Amino acid sequence: MIRVALDAMGGDHAPRVEIEGLRLALRDLPATFRVQLVGKPDVIEAELGLYPDIDRARVDIVPASDVVGMGDKPLAAIRRKPNSSLVVGLTLQAKGESDAFISAGNTGAILAGSTVLLGLHNGVERASVATAFPTALGPVLVLDGGANVDCSPRELVCFARLGSVYMRDVMGVASPAVGLLNVGEEDEKGGAVVREAFGALKETNGIRFVGNIEGRDMLAGHAKLGHIDVAVCDGFVGNILLKFYESVGRMLQLLLGKGDPALFRHPDVVRAFEFLDYSQYGGAPLLGVKGISIICHGASPSNAIKHAIRVAVQSVDVQLDQHIQAEFAQGAA
C-alpha cells in the first residue's frame, strides 16, 4: 500500500483543512494508500475526533513537535527545526518509510528541505515547481512556477525534460508539446538566456519542442501549433503568470456580481468556475528531487488537499521518480 506523508501543521488553516482533505480522499479515492499525518498528536487527534467516519485503519499519526512558519527563513528552518512536521515528513521518505510528501506550508522551506533531505537526481541542477494551469484544451504545465527566479539555458532545458515526463506519466499525454515562453514566436526573440535555451531545446532528444510561444498561447493554444502541454520559463516569469491567472476567476466574479446575482446559480456559470478552480490539480509537484514532494498553496481548500493526495498516489503508482531518473541517465549516456 502506498504511504503518503501529509504535513498536518503546514497550511494557513491547519490542521482543519488537512483533515477535511484526508477525509475526502479516503472517501472518494481508491483504497490503495494510507496517510501518515505528521504533526502534534494532540492537535491532530482533536481534529480527527470531529470526523467519526474517517477510516482510522488507514491513518497513522507521526509525532512532530515543531512547525516551520511562513516567516521562517527556509534553509535555516530546515537546520534549526529538525522536529518540525515538514522535516519529519520529508525524513520519512528519505528513510524509505514513506513514498510521498505533501505540505501547504512554507514553499521555500519545502523546496530547501526536499533538496537537502531527498537530494536531486543526477543531471538536475535545481528542482522545479511544476504548476498546472486549467485551459479550454486541457492543462498546461508551467515550469518553473517560482522556485528559481534566475535560470540558465541548461536549467530551462532540464525543466522541459522534467515537465515532459510528468505530462506523459501523470497526465497521460503520449507526446507532450513543449513551448518556450517568450516575447515573440520568432527564433531570434528574447534575451540571451532564452535565445540560447531555444537553440539547446531544438537539439535535445526525447522532447517534442515546438518552438517559442507567447502568453496568449497559454489558454487558447497556438494558432498554428495547437495545444501546448508544457510551457518553459524561469520562475520570475512563471510566478507572475501564475498570480495573474489566479486573478481571472476573481475578475469574472466581480463582473458577474455587477449584474444579476442569479447568474452565479446558472449551470453554465457554475461549470465555468469549476473549470477555473485550481484545486482540482491539488498542488504543484516539485520535480527533480529524488522522491515525490508536492507543494500546496497555503490557503488550499480541502478539495486541493484531496487532489494532492490523488496526485501523490498516482505519481508513486506510475513510478514517476524512477522514470525521471531514467530520463536523465539516458541523457547523460
C-alpha atoms as a PDB file:
ATOM      1  CA  MET A   1       0.000   0.000   0.000  1.00  0.00           C
ATOM      2  CA  ILE A   2       1.285   3.471  -0.918  1.00  0.00           C
ATOM      3  CA  ARG A   3       2.229   5.626   2.074  1.00  0.00           C
ATOM      4  CA  VAL A   4       1.613   9.375   1.815  1.00  0.00           C
ATOM      5  CA  ALA A   5       3.032  11.696   4.488  1.00  0.00           C
ATOM      6  CA  LEU A   6       0.797  14.760   4.931  1.00  0.00           C
ATOM      7  CA  ASP A   7       2.099  17.778   6.834  1.00  0.00           C
ATOM      8  CA  ALA A   8      -0.869  18.354   9.145  1.00  0.00           C
ATOM      9  CA  MET A   9       0.503  21.635  10.514  1.00  0.00           C
ATOM     10  CA  GLY A  10       1.633  23.458   7.380  1.00  0.00           C
ATOM     11  CA  GLY A  11      -1.302  25.349   5.854  1.00  0.00           C
ATOM     12  CA  ASP A  12      -2.948  28.620   6.778  1.00  0.00           C
ATOM     13  CA  HIS A  13      -5.852  26.724   8.340  1.00  0.00           C
ATOM     14  CA  ALA A  14      -4.025  23.643   9.590  1.00  0.00           C
ATOM     15  CA  PRO A  15      -4.912  21.073  10.679  1.00  0.00           C
ATOM     16  CA  ARG A  16      -8.608  21.578   9.859  1.00  0.00           C
ATOM     17  CA  VAL A  17      -8.228  21.727   6.076  1.00  0.00           C
ATOM     18  CA  GLU A  18      -5.692  18.885   6.011  1.00  0.00           C
ATOM     19  CA  ILE A  19      -8.015  16.590   7.986  1.00  0.00           C
ATOM     20  CA  GLU A  20     -11.002  17.568   5.840  1.00  0.00           C
ATOM     21  CA  GLY A  21      -8.950  16.827   2.721  1.00  0.00           C
ATOM     22  CA  LEU A  22      -7.856  13.495   4.185  1.00  0.00           C
ATOM     23  CA  ARG A  23     -11.492  12.591   4.848  1.00  0.00           C
ATOM     24  CA  LEU A  24     -12.450  13.377   1.247  1.00  0.00           C
ATOM     25  CA  ALA A  25      -9.514  11.378  -0.122  1.00  0.00           C
ATOM     26  CA  LEU A  26     -10.318   8.317   1.982  1.00  0.00           C
ATOM     27  CA  ARG A  27     -13.952   8.546   0.916  1.00  0.00           C
ATOM     28  CA  ASP A  28     -13.585   9.271  -2.798  1.00  0.00           C
ATOM     29  CA  LEU A  29     -10.301   7.729  -3.970  1.00  0.00           C
ATOM     30  CA  PRO A  30      -9.393   4.056  -4.481  1.00  0.00           C
ATOM     31  CA  ALA A  31      -8.207   2.361  -1.288  1.00  0.00           C
ATOM     32  CA  THR A  32      -4.623   1.901  -2.490  1.00  0.00           C
ATOM     33  CA  PHE A  33      -2.974   4.210   0.050  1.00  0.00           C
ATOM     34  CA  ARG A  34      -2.675   5.137   3.700  1.00  0.00           C
ATOM     35  CA  VAL A  35      -1.883   8.570   5.063  1.00  0.00           C
ATOM     36  CA  GLN A  36       0.733   9.473   7.647  1.00  0.00           C
ATOM     37  CA  LEU A  37      -0.430  12.643   9.414  1.00  0.00           C
ATOM     38  CA  VAL A  38       2.688  14.437  10.635  1.00  0.00           C
ATOM     39  CA  GLY A  39       2.390  16.962  13.438  1.00  0.00           C
ATOM     40  CA  LYS A  40       1.327  17.473  17.045  1.00  0.00           C
ATOM     41  CA  PRO A  41      -0.599  14.315  18.050  1.00  0.00           C
ATOM     42  CA  ASP A  42      -2.983  16.002  20.498  1.00  0.00           C
ATOM     43  CA  VAL A  43      -3.978  18.650  17.953  1.00  0.00           C
ATOM     44  CA  ILE A  44      -4.395  16.053  15.201  1.00  0.00           C
ATOM     45  CA  GLU A  45      -6.434  13.709  17.419  1.00  0.00           C
ATOM     46  CA  ALA A  46      -8.758  16.527  18.434  1.00  0.00           C
ATOM     47  CA  GLU A  47      -9.448  17.361  14.783  1.00  0.00           C
ATOM     48  CA  LEU A  48      -9.845  13.711  13.760  1.00  0.00           C
ATOM     49  CA  GLY A  49     -12.424  13.345  16.529  1.00  0.00           C
ATOM     50  CA  LEU A  50     -14.730  15.671  14.603  1.00  0.00           C
ATOM     51  CA  TYR A  51     -14.970  13.102  11.794  1.00  0.00           C
ATOM     52  CA  PRO A  52     -16.013   9.711  13.211  1.00  0.00           C
ATOM     53  CA  ASP A  53     -16.498   8.376   9.668  1.00  0.00           C
ATOM     54  CA  ILE A  54     -12.781   8.562   8.860  1.00  0.00           C
ATOM     55  CA  ASP A  55     -11.264   5.110   8.353  1.00  0.00           C
ATOM     56  CA  ARG A  56      -8.655   5.194  11.103  1.00  0.00           C
ATOM     57  CA  ALA A  57      -7.217   1.869   9.918  1.00  0.00           C
ATOM     58  CA  ARG A  58      -5.681   3.802   7.011  1.00  0.00           C
ATOM     59  CA  VAL A  59      -4.347   6.692   9.077  1.00  0.00           C
ATOM     60  CA  ASP A  60      -1.119   6.884  11.064  1.00  0.00           C
ATOM     61  CA  ILE A  61      -0.067   9.771  13.290  1.00  0.00           C
ATOM     62  CA  VAL A  62       3.648  10.609  13.217  1.00  0.00           C
ATOM     63  CA  PRO A  63       4.667  12.939  16.065  1.00  0.00           C
ATOM     64  CA  ALA A  64       6.386  16.228  15.232  1.00  0.00           C
ATOM     65  CA  SER A  65       6.563  18.814  17.994  1.00  0.00           C
ATOM     66  CA  ASP A  66       7.563  21.865  15.948  1.00  0.00           C
ATOM     67  CA  VAL A  67       6.253  23.831  12.955  1.00  0.00           C
ATOM     68  CA  VAL A  68       8.055  25.744  10.209  1.00  0.00           C
ATOM     69  CA  GLY A  69       6.308  29.105   9.992  1.00  0.00           C
ATOM     70  CA  MET A  70       5.603  31.075   6.832  1.00  0.00           C
ATOM     71  CA  GLY A  71       8.033  33.745   8.016  1.00  0.00           C
ATOM     72  CA  ASP A  72      10.917  31.370   8.742  1.00  0.00           C
ATOM     73  CA  LYS A  73      13.972  31.509   6.509  1.00  0.00           C
ATOM     74  CA  PRO A  74      13.836  28.247   4.534  1.00  0.00           C
ATOM     75  CA  LEU A  75      17.298  26.737   4.913  1.00  0.00           C
ATOM     76  CA  ALA A  76      17.713  27.962   8.491  1.00  0.00           C
ATOM     77  CA  ALA A  77      14.362  26.446   9.421  1.00  0.00           C
ATOM     78  CA  ILE A  78      15.349  23.055   7.999  1.00  0.00           C
ATOM     79  CA  ARG A  79      18.547  23.061  10.036  1.00  0.00           C
ATOM     80  CA  ARG A  80      17.161  24.514  13.265  1.00  0.00           C
ATOM     81  CA  LYS A  81      13.803  22.742  13.389  1.00  0.00           C
ATOM     82  CA  PRO A  82      14.550  19.030  12.913  1.00  0.00           C
ATOM     83  CA  ASN A  83      11.392  18.116  14.823  1.00  0.00           C
ATOM     84  CA  SER A  84       9.096  20.185  12.633  1.00  0.00           C
ATOM     85  CA  SER A  85       6.288  18.471  10.734  1.00  0.00           C
ATOM     86  CA  LEU A  86       7.910  19.477   7.443  1.00  0.00           C
ATOM     87  CA  VAL A  87      11.322  17.994   8.238  1.00  0.00           C
ATOM     88  CA  VAL A  88       9.921  14.877   9.919  1.00  0.00           C
ATOM     89  CA  GLY A  89       7.596  14.253   6.970  1.00  0.00           C
ATOM     90  CA  LEU A  90      10.374  14.526   4.396  1.00  0.00           C
ATOM     91  CA  THR A  91      12.705  12.415   6.534  1.00  0.00           C
ATOM     92  CA  LEU A  92      10.177   9.572   6.474  1.00  0.00           C
ATOM     93  CA  GLN A  93      10.594   9.407   2.699  1.00  0.00           C
ATOM     94  CA  ALA A  94      14.363   9.803   2.887  1.00  0.00           C
ATOM     95  CA  LYS A  95      14.463   6.764   5.197  1.00  0.00           C
ATOM     96  CA  GLY A  96      12.208   4.704   2.957  1.00  0.00           C
ATOM     97  CA  GLU A  97       9.348   4.804   5.467  1.00  0.00           C
ATOM     98  CA  SER A  98       7.050   6.825   3.198  1.00  0.00           C
ATOM     99  CA  ASP A  99       6.507   7.130  -0.549  1.00  0.00           C
ATOM    100  CA  ALA A 100       5.396  10.754  -0.954  1.00  0.00           C
ATOM    101  CA  PHE A 101       5.163  14.038   0.944  1.00  0.00           C
ATOM    102  CA  ILE A 102       2.553  16.819   0.788  1.00  0.00           C
ATOM    103  CA  SER A 103       2.599  20.198   2.505  1.00  0.00           C
ATOM    104  CA  ALA A 104       0.758  23.508   2.288  1.00  0.00           C
ATOM    105  CA  GLY A 105       3.456  25.123   4.400  1.00  0.00           C
ATOM    106  CA  ASN A 106       6.376  27.440   3.695  1.00  0.00           C
ATOM    107  CA  THR A 107       7.138  26.927  -0.024  1.00  0.00           C
ATOM    108  CA  GLY A 108      10.795  27.900   0.282  1.00  0.00           C
ATOM    109  CA  ALA A 109      11.262  25.502   3.184  1.00  0.00           C
ATOM    110  CA  ILE A 110       9.602  22.645   1.277  1.00  0.00           C
ATOM    111  CA  LEU A 111      11.930  23.335  -1.643  1.00  0.00           C
ATOM    112  CA  ALA A 112      15.018  23.548   0.587  1.00  0.00           C
ATOM    113  CA  GLY A 113      14.024  20.549   2.686  1.00  0.00           C
ATOM    114  CA  SER A 114      13.219  18.376  -0.326  1.00  0.00           C
ATOM    115  CA  THR A 115      16.522  19.274  -1.959  1.00  0.00           C
ATOM    116  CA  VAL A 116      18.606  18.685   1.182  1.00  0.00           C
ATOM    117  CA  LEU A 117      16.823  15.638   2.598  1.00  0.00           C
ATOM    118  CA  LEU A 118      15.805  13.824  -0.592  1.00  0.00           C
ATOM    119  CA  GLY A 119      18.557  15.059  -2.905  1.00  0.00           C
ATOM    120  CA  LEU A 120      18.446  15.784  -6.629  1.00  0.00           C
ATOM    121  CA  HIS A 121      18.608  13.326  -9.488  1.00  0.00           C
ATOM    122  CA  ASN A 122      21.927  13.178 -11.301  1.00  0.00           C
ATOM    123  CA  GLY A 123      21.858  15.760 -14.064  1.00  0.00           C
ATOM    124  CA  VAL A 124      19.339  18.009 -12.305  1.00  0.00           C
ATOM    125  CA  GLU A 125      20.904  21.218 -11.037  1.00  0.00           C
ATOM    126  CA  ARG A 126      17.797  22.695  -9.404  1.00  0.00           C
ATOM    127  CA  ALA A 127      14.346  21.287  -8.719  1.00  0.00           C
ATOM    128  CA  SER A 128      11.392  22.981 -10.383  1.00  0.00           C
ATOM    129  CA  VAL A 129       7.883  23.784  -9.184  1.00  0.00           C
ATOM    130  CA  ALA A 130       5.554  22.460 -11.892  1.00  0.00           C
ATOM    131  CA  THR A 131       2.227  24.317 -11.879  1.00  0.00           C
ATOM    132  CA  ALA A 132      -0.747  23.032 -13.878  1.00  0.00           C
ATOM    133  CA  PHE A 133      -2.952  25.707 -15.477  1.00  0.00           C
ATOM    134  CA  PRO A 134      -6.534  24.751 -16.413  1.00  0.00           C
ATOM    135  CA  THR A 135      -7.250  25.731 -20.028  1.00  0.00           C
ATOM    136  CA  ALA A 136     -10.034  25.131 -22.541  1.00  0.00           C
ATOM    137  CA  LEU A 137      -7.938  22.462 -24.274  1.00  0.00           C
ATOM    138  CA  GLY A 138      -6.521  20.673 -21.242  1.00  0.00           C
ATOM    139  CA  PRO A 139      -3.933  21.517 -18.578  1.00  0.00           C
ATOM    140  CA  VAL A 140      -0.710  23.353 -19.389  1.00  0.00           C
ATOM    141  CA  LEU A 141       2.199  22.570 -17.087  1.00  0.00           C
ATOM    142  CA  VAL A 142       4.324  25.643 -16.372  1.00  0.00           C
ATOM    143  CA  LEU A 143       7.922  25.182 -15.221  1.00  0.00           C
ATOM    144  CA  ASP A 144       9.189  26.990 -13.250  1.00  0.00           C
ATOM    145  CA  GLY A 145       6.349  28.264 -11.092  1.00  0.00           C
ATOM    146  CA  GLY A 146       8.504  30.383  -8.808  1.00  0.00           C
ATOM    147  CA  ALA A 147      11.251  28.312  -7.220  1.00  0.00           C
ATOM    148  CA  ASN A 148      14.069  29.594  -9.448  1.00  0.00           C
ATOM    149  CA  VAL A 149      13.931  33.267 -10.327  1.00  0.00           C
ATOM    150  CA  ASP A 150      17.112  33.301 -12.430  1.00  0.00           C
ATOM    151  CA  CYS A 151      17.736  30.302 -14.672  1.00  0.00           C
ATOM    152  CA  SER A 152      20.478  29.241 -17.050  1.00  0.00           C
ATOM    153  CA  PRO A 153      19.719  27.816 -20.515  1.00  0.00           C
ATOM    154  CA  ARG A 154      20.756  24.399 -19.201  1.00  0.00           C
ATOM    155  CA  GLU A 155      18.212  24.630 -16.392  1.00  0.00           C
ATOM    156  CA  LEU A 156      15.426  25.618 -18.783  1.00  0.00           C
ATOM    157  CA  VAL A 157      16.186  22.547 -20.873  1.00  0.00           C
ATOM    158  CA  CYS A 158      16.067  20.479 -17.675  1.00  0.00           C
ATOM    159  CA  PHE A 159      12.624  21.884 -16.879  1.00  0.00           C
ATOM    160  CA  ALA A 160      11.408  20.877 -20.344  1.00  0.00           C
ATOM    161  CA  ARG A 161      12.566  17.309 -19.790  1.00  0.00           C
ATOM    162  CA  LEU A 162      11.046  17.108 -16.297  1.00  0.00           C
ATOM    163  CA  GLY A 163       7.746  18.531 -17.492  1.00  0.00           C
ATOM    164  CA  SER A 164       7.595  16.129 -20.412  1.00  0.00           C
ATOM    165  CA  VAL A 165       7.999  13.093 -18.168  1.00  0.00           C
ATOM    166  CA  TYR A 166       5.337  14.374 -15.770  1.00  0.00           C
ATOM    167  CA  MET A 167       2.804  15.119 -18.509  1.00  0.00           C
ATOM    168  CA  ARG A 168       3.404  11.716 -20.040  1.00  0.00           C
ATOM    169  CA  ASP A 169       3.320   9.676 -16.832  1.00  0.00           C
ATOM    170  CA  VAL A 170       0.787  11.501 -14.661  1.00  0.00           C
ATOM    171  CA  MET A 171      -1.372  13.427 -17.139  1.00  0.00           C
ATOM    172  CA  GLY A 172      -1.404  10.715 -19.786  1.00  0.00           C
ATOM    173  CA  VAL A 173      -0.161  12.819 -22.727  1.00  0.00           C
ATOM    174  CA  ALA A 174       1.720  10.456 -25.024  1.00  0.00           C
ATOM    175  CA  SER A 175       3.883  13.075 -26.752  1.00  0.00           C
ATOM    176  CA  PRO A 176       3.730  16.390 -24.862  1.00  0.00           C
ATOM    177  CA  ALA A 177       4.245  19.578 -26.862  1.00  0.00           C
ATOM    178  CA  VAL A 178       6.848  21.811 -25.206  1.00  0.00           C
ATOM    179  CA  GLY A 179       6.949  25.551 -25.804  1.00  0.00           C
ATOM    180  CA  LEU A 180       9.438  28.162 -24.595  1.00  0.00           C
ATOM    181  CA  LEU A 181       7.591  31.182 -23.211  1.00  0.00           C
ATOM    182  CA  ASN A 182       8.930  34.278 -24.938  1.00  0.00           C
ATOM    183  CA  VAL A 183       8.028  37.769 -26.152  1.00  0.00           C
ATOM    184  CA  GLY A 184       7.514  36.520 -29.705  1.00  0.00           C
ATOM    185  CA  GLU A 185       7.490  33.263 -31.634  1.00  0.00           C
ATOM    186  CA  GLU A 186      10.399  34.048 -33.975  1.00  0.00           C
ATOM    187  CA  ASP A 187      13.612  32.098 -33.320  1.00  0.00           C
ATOM    188  CA  GLU A 188      15.701  35.183 -32.566  1.00  0.00           C
ATOM    189  CA  LYS A 189      13.316  36.669 -29.974  1.00  0.00           C
ATOM    190  CA  GLY A 190      14.108  37.149 -26.284  1.00  0.00           C
ATOM    191  CA  GLY A 191      17.160  37.811 -24.148  1.00  0.00           C
ATOM    192  CA  ALA A 192      20.458  35.962 -24.315  1.00  0.00           C
ATOM    193  CA  VAL A 193      19.420  33.178 -21.922  1.00  0.00           C
ATOM    194  CA  VAL A 194      16.167  32.444 -23.721  1.00  0.00           C
ATOM    195  CA  ARG A 195      17.787  32.525 -27.158  1.00  0.00           C
ATOM    196  CA  GLU A 196      20.455  30.073 -26.032  1.00  0.00           C
ATOM    197  CA  ALA A 197      17.813  27.862 -24.434  1.00  0.00           C
ATOM    198  CA  PHE A 198      15.863  27.889 -27.709  1.00  0.00           C
ATOM    199  CA  GLY A 199      18.870  26.534 -29.595  1.00  0.00           C
ATOM    200  CA  ALA A 200      19.545  23.896 -26.937  1.00  0.00           C
ATOM    201  CA  LEU A 201      15.916  22.749 -26.854  1.00  0.00           C
ATOM    202  CA  LYS A 202      15.931  22.277 -30.634  1.00  0.00           C
ATOM    203  CA  GLU A 203      18.874  19.887 -30.239  1.00  0.00           C
ATOM    204  CA  THR A 204      17.521  17.973 -27.220  1.00  0.00           C
ATOM    205  CA  ASN A 205      16.381  14.434 -27.922  1.00  0.00           C
ATOM    206  CA  GLY A 206      13.405  12.927 -26.148  1.00  0.00           C
ATOM    207  CA  ILE A 207      11.187  16.020 -26.024  1.00  0.00           C
ATOM    208  CA  ARG A 208       8.816  17.451 -28.646  1.00  0.00           C
ATOM    209  CA  PHE A 209       9.914  21.062 -28.717  1.00  0.00           C
ATOM    210  CA  VAL A 210       7.573  23.133 -30.878  1.00  0.00           C
ATOM    211  CA  GLY A 211       9.319  26.498 -30.510  1.00  0.00           C
ATOM    212  CA  ASN A 212       8.657  29.839 -28.869  1.00  0.00           C
ATOM    213  CA  ILE A 213       5.187  30.590 -27.550  1.00  0.00           C
ATOM    214  CA  GLU A 214       3.620  33.781 -26.225  1.00  0.00           C
ATOM    215  CA  GLY A 215       1.418  34.435 -23.226  1.00  0.00           C
ATOM    216  CA  ARG A 216      -1.719  34.411 -25.357  1.00  0.00           C
ATOM    217  CA  ASP A 217      -0.978  30.834 -26.407  1.00  0.00           C
ATOM    218  CA  MET A 218      -1.313  29.531 -22.851  1.00  0.00           C
ATOM    219  CA  LEU A 219      -5.093  29.441 -22.527  1.00  0.00           C
ATOM    220  CA  ALA A 220      -6.365  29.084 -26.087  1.00  0.00           C
ATOM    221  CA  GLY A 221      -3.499  27.219 -27.723  1.00  0.00           C
ATOM    222  CA  HIS A 222      -1.207  28.396 -30.510  1.00  0.00           C
ATOM    223  CA  ALA A 223      -2.866  29.325 -33.816  1.00  0.00           C
ATOM    224  CA  LYS A 224      -0.526  27.043 -35.782  1.00  0.00           C
ATOM    225  CA  LEU A 225       0.926  24.660 -33.209  1.00  0.00           C
ATOM    226  CA  GLY A 226      -2.287  23.860 -31.339  1.00  0.00           C
ATOM    227  CA  HIS A 227      -2.407  22.994 -27.664  1.00  0.00           C
ATOM    228  CA  ILE A 228       0.788  23.407 -25.636  1.00  0.00           C
ATOM    229  CA  ASP A 229       1.305  20.828 -22.876  1.00  0.00           C
ATOM    230  CA  VAL A 230       4.474  22.191 -21.230  1.00  0.00           C
ATOM    231  CA  ALA A 231       5.455  25.865 -21.030  1.00  0.00           C
ATOM    232  CA  VAL A 232       9.055  26.526 -20.006  1.00  0.00           C
ATOM    233  CA  CYS A 233      10.181  29.764 -18.357  1.00  0.00           C
ATOM    234  CA  ASP A 234      12.165  30.999 -15.381  1.00  0.00           C
ATOM    235  CA  GLY A 235      10.480  31.276 -12.004  1.00  0.00           C
ATOM    236  CA  PHE A 236      10.184  35.052 -12.184  1.00  0.00           C
ATOM    237  CA  VAL A 237       8.022  34.888 -15.298  1.00  0.00           C
ATOM    238  CA  GLY A 238       6.234  31.734 -14.153  1.00  0.00           C
ATOM    239  CA  ASN A 239       5.187  33.150 -10.807  1.00  0.00           C
ATOM    240  CA  ILE A 240       3.864  36.382 -12.333  1.00  0.00           C
ATOM    241  CA  LEU A 241       1.913  34.295 -14.846  1.00  0.00           C
ATOM    242  CA  LEU A 242       0.521  32.124 -12.052  1.00  0.00           C
ATOM    243  CA  LYS A 243      -0.591  35.071  -9.904  1.00  0.00           C
ATOM    244  CA  PHE A 244      -2.180  36.767 -12.918  1.00  0.00           C
ATOM    245  CA  TYR A 245      -4.063  33.588 -13.788  1.00  0.00           C
ATOM    246  CA  GLU A 246      -5.354  33.283 -10.218  1.00  0.00           C
ATOM    247  CA  SER A 247      -6.975  36.710 -10.612  1.00  0.00           C
ATOM    248  CA  VAL A 248      -9.062  35.667 -13.638  1.00  0.00           C
ATOM    249  CA  GLY A 249     -11.712  33.930 -11.560  1.00  0.00           C
ATOM    250  CA  ARG A 250     -11.972  36.857  -9.140  1.00  0.00           C
ATOM    251  CA  MET A 251     -12.332  39.299 -12.025  1.00  0.00           C
ATOM    252  CA  LEU A 252     -15.172  37.264 -13.527  1.00  0.00           C
ATOM    253  CA  GLN A 253     -16.913  37.144 -10.157  1.00  0.00           C
ATOM    254  CA  LEU A 254     -16.705  40.922  -9.868  1.00  0.00           C
ATOM    255  CA  LEU A 255     -18.069  41.417 -13.373  1.00  0.00           C
ATOM    256  CA  LEU A 256     -20.932  38.994 -12.847  1.00  0.00           C
ATOM    257  CA  GLY A 257     -21.637  40.488  -9.441  1.00  0.00           C
ATOM    258  CA  LYS A 258     -22.482  43.794 -11.108  1.00  0.00           C
ATOM    259  CA  GLY A 259     -25.300  42.104 -12.983  1.00  0.00           C
ATOM    260  CA  ASP A 260     -27.971  39.651 -11.914  1.00  0.00           C
ATOM    261  CA  PRO A 261     -26.882  37.660  -8.793  1.00  0.00           C
ATOM    262  CA  ALA A 262     -28.887  34.746 -10.150  1.00  0.00           C
ATOM    263  CA  LEU A 263     -26.208  34.302 -12.816  1.00  0.00           C
ATOM    264  CA  PHE A 264     -23.982  32.654 -10.201  1.00  0.00           C
ATOM    265  CA  ARG A 265     -26.509  29.829  -9.956  1.00  0.00           C
ATOM    266  CA  HIS A 266     -26.747  29.221 -13.700  1.00  0.00           C
ATOM    267  CA  PRO A 267     -25.357  25.737 -14.551  1.00  0.00           C
ATOM    268  CA  ASP A 268     -23.072  27.076 -17.282  1.00  0.00           C
ATOM    269  CA  VAL A 269     -21.585  29.677 -14.937  1.00  0.00           C
ATOM    270  CA  VAL A 270     -21.139  27.100 -12.183  1.00  0.00           C
ATOM    271  CA  ARG A 271     -19.293  24.814 -14.619  1.00  0.00           C
ATOM    272  CA  ALA A 272     -17.101  27.690 -15.778  1.00  0.00           C
ATOM    273  CA  PHE A 273     -15.967  28.474 -12.254  1.00  0.00           C
ATOM    274  CA  GLU A 274     -15.399  24.789 -11.530  1.00  0.00           C
ATOM    275  CA  PHE A 275     -13.189  24.688 -14.615  1.00  0.00           C
ATOM    276  CA  LEU A 276     -11.086  27.609 -13.332  1.00  0.00           C
ATOM    277  CA  ASP A 277     -10.711  26.007  -9.896  1.00  0.00           C
ATOM    278  CA  TYR A 278      -7.016  25.199  -9.412  1.00  0.00           C
ATOM    279  CA  SER A 279      -7.831  22.863  -6.513  1.00  0.00           C
ATOM    280  CA  GLN A 280      -8.696  20.090  -8.996  1.00  0.00           C
ATOM    281  CA  TYR A 281      -4.939  19.715  -9.587  1.00  0.00           C
ATOM    282  CA  GLY A 282      -4.175  19.560  -5.867  1.00  0.00           C
ATOM    283  CA  GLY A 283      -0.757  21.107  -5.726  1.00  0.00           C
ATOM    284  CA  ALA A 284       2.457  21.661  -7.620  1.00  0.00           C
ATOM    285  CA  PRO A 285       4.863  18.718  -7.782  1.00  0.00           C
ATOM    286  CA  LEU A 286       8.481  19.587  -7.076  1.00  0.00           C
ATOM    287  CA  LEU A 287      10.188  17.848  -9.978  1.00  0.00           C
ATOM    288  CA  GLY A 288      13.843  16.872  -9.961  1.00  0.00           C
ATOM    289  CA  VAL A 289      14.146  15.695  -6.359  1.00  0.00           C
ATOM    290  CA  LYS A 290      14.613  12.017  -5.586  1.00  0.00           C
ATOM    291  CA  GLY A 291      11.107  11.194  -4.490  1.00  0.00           C
ATOM    292  CA  ILE A 292       7.636  12.706  -4.578  1.00  0.00           C
ATOM    293  CA  SER A 293       7.176  16.124  -2.967  1.00  0.00           C
ATOM    294  CA  ILE A 294       4.038  18.174  -3.580  1.00  0.00           C
ATOM    295  CA  ILE A 295       3.629  21.827  -2.633  1.00  0.00           C
ATOM    296  CA  CYS A 296       0.116  23.108  -1.947  1.00  0.00           C
ATOM    297  CA  HIS A 297      -0.962  26.735  -1.682  1.00  0.00           C
ATOM    298  CA  GLY A 298      -1.045  27.915   1.938  1.00  0.00           C
ATOM    299  CA  ALA A 299      -4.733  28.785   1.561  1.00  0.00           C
ATOM    300  CA  SER A 300      -5.600  25.482  -0.133  1.00  0.00           C
ATOM    301  CA  PRO A 301      -9.160  24.268   0.460  1.00  0.00           C
ATOM    302  CA  SER A 302      -9.861  20.691   1.474  1.00  0.00           C
ATOM    303  CA  ASN A 303     -10.544  19.725  -2.156  1.00  0.00           C
ATOM    304  CA  ALA A 304      -6.979  20.732  -3.066  1.00  0.00           C
ATOM    305  CA  ILE A 305      -5.586  18.516  -0.294  1.00  0.00           C
ATOM    306  CA  LYS A 306      -7.723  15.625  -1.535  1.00  0.00           C
ATOM    307  CA  HIS A 307      -6.397  16.025  -5.063  1.00  0.00           C
ATOM    308  CA  ALA A 308      -2.829  16.475  -3.833  1.00  0.00           C
ATOM    309  CA  ILE A 309      -3.174  13.051  -2.218  1.00  0.00           C
ATOM    310  CA  ARG A 310      -4.563  11.711  -5.501  1.00  0.00           C
ATOM    311  CA  VAL A 311      -1.628  13.125  -7.486  1.00  0.00           C
ATOM    312  CA  ALA A 312       0.878  11.802  -4.931  1.00  0.00           C
ATOM    313  CA  VAL A 313      -0.590   8.305  -5.112  1.00  0.00           C
ATOM    314  CA  GLN A 314      -0.717   8.414  -8.901  1.00  0.00           C
ATOM    315  CA  SER A 315       2.885   9.646  -9.116  1.00  0.00           C
ATOM    316  CA  VAL A 316       4.081   6.741  -6.986  1.00  0.00           C
ATOM    317  CA  ASP A 317       1.878   4.261  -8.828  1.00  0.00           C
ATOM    318  CA  VAL A 318       3.235   5.190 -12.289  1.00  0.00           C
ATOM    319  CA  GLN A 319       6.821   5.245 -10.957  1.00  0.00           C
ATOM    320  CA  LEU A 320       7.351   8.891 -11.847  1.00  0.00           C
ATOM    321  CA  ASP A 321      10.533   9.153  -9.789  1.00  0.00           C
ATOM    322  CA  GLN A 322      12.125   6.139 -11.472  1.00  0.00           C
ATOM    323  CA  HIS A 323      11.188   7.434 -14.909  1.00  0.00           C
ATOM    324  CA  ILE A 324      12.754  10.829 -14.207  1.00  0.00           C
ATOM    325  CA  GLN A 325      15.906   9.067 -13.057  1.00  0.00           C
ATOM    326  CA  ALA A 326      15.947   7.006 -16.256  1.00  0.00           C
ATOM    327  CA  GLU A 327      15.339  10.108 -18.387  1.00  0.00           C
ATOM    328  CA  PHE A 328      18.414  11.862 -17.035  1.00  0.00           C
ATOM    329  CA  ALA A 329      20.544   8.724 -17.006  1.00  0.00           C
ATOM    330  CA  GLN A 330      19.738   8.319 -20.713  1.00  0.00           C
ATOM    331  CA  GLY A 331      20.544  11.968 -21.367  1.00  0.00           C
ATOM    332  CA  ALA A 332      23.951  11.594 -19.732  1.00  0.00           C
ATOM    333  CA  ALA A 333      24.749   8.446 -21.708  1.00  0.00           C
END
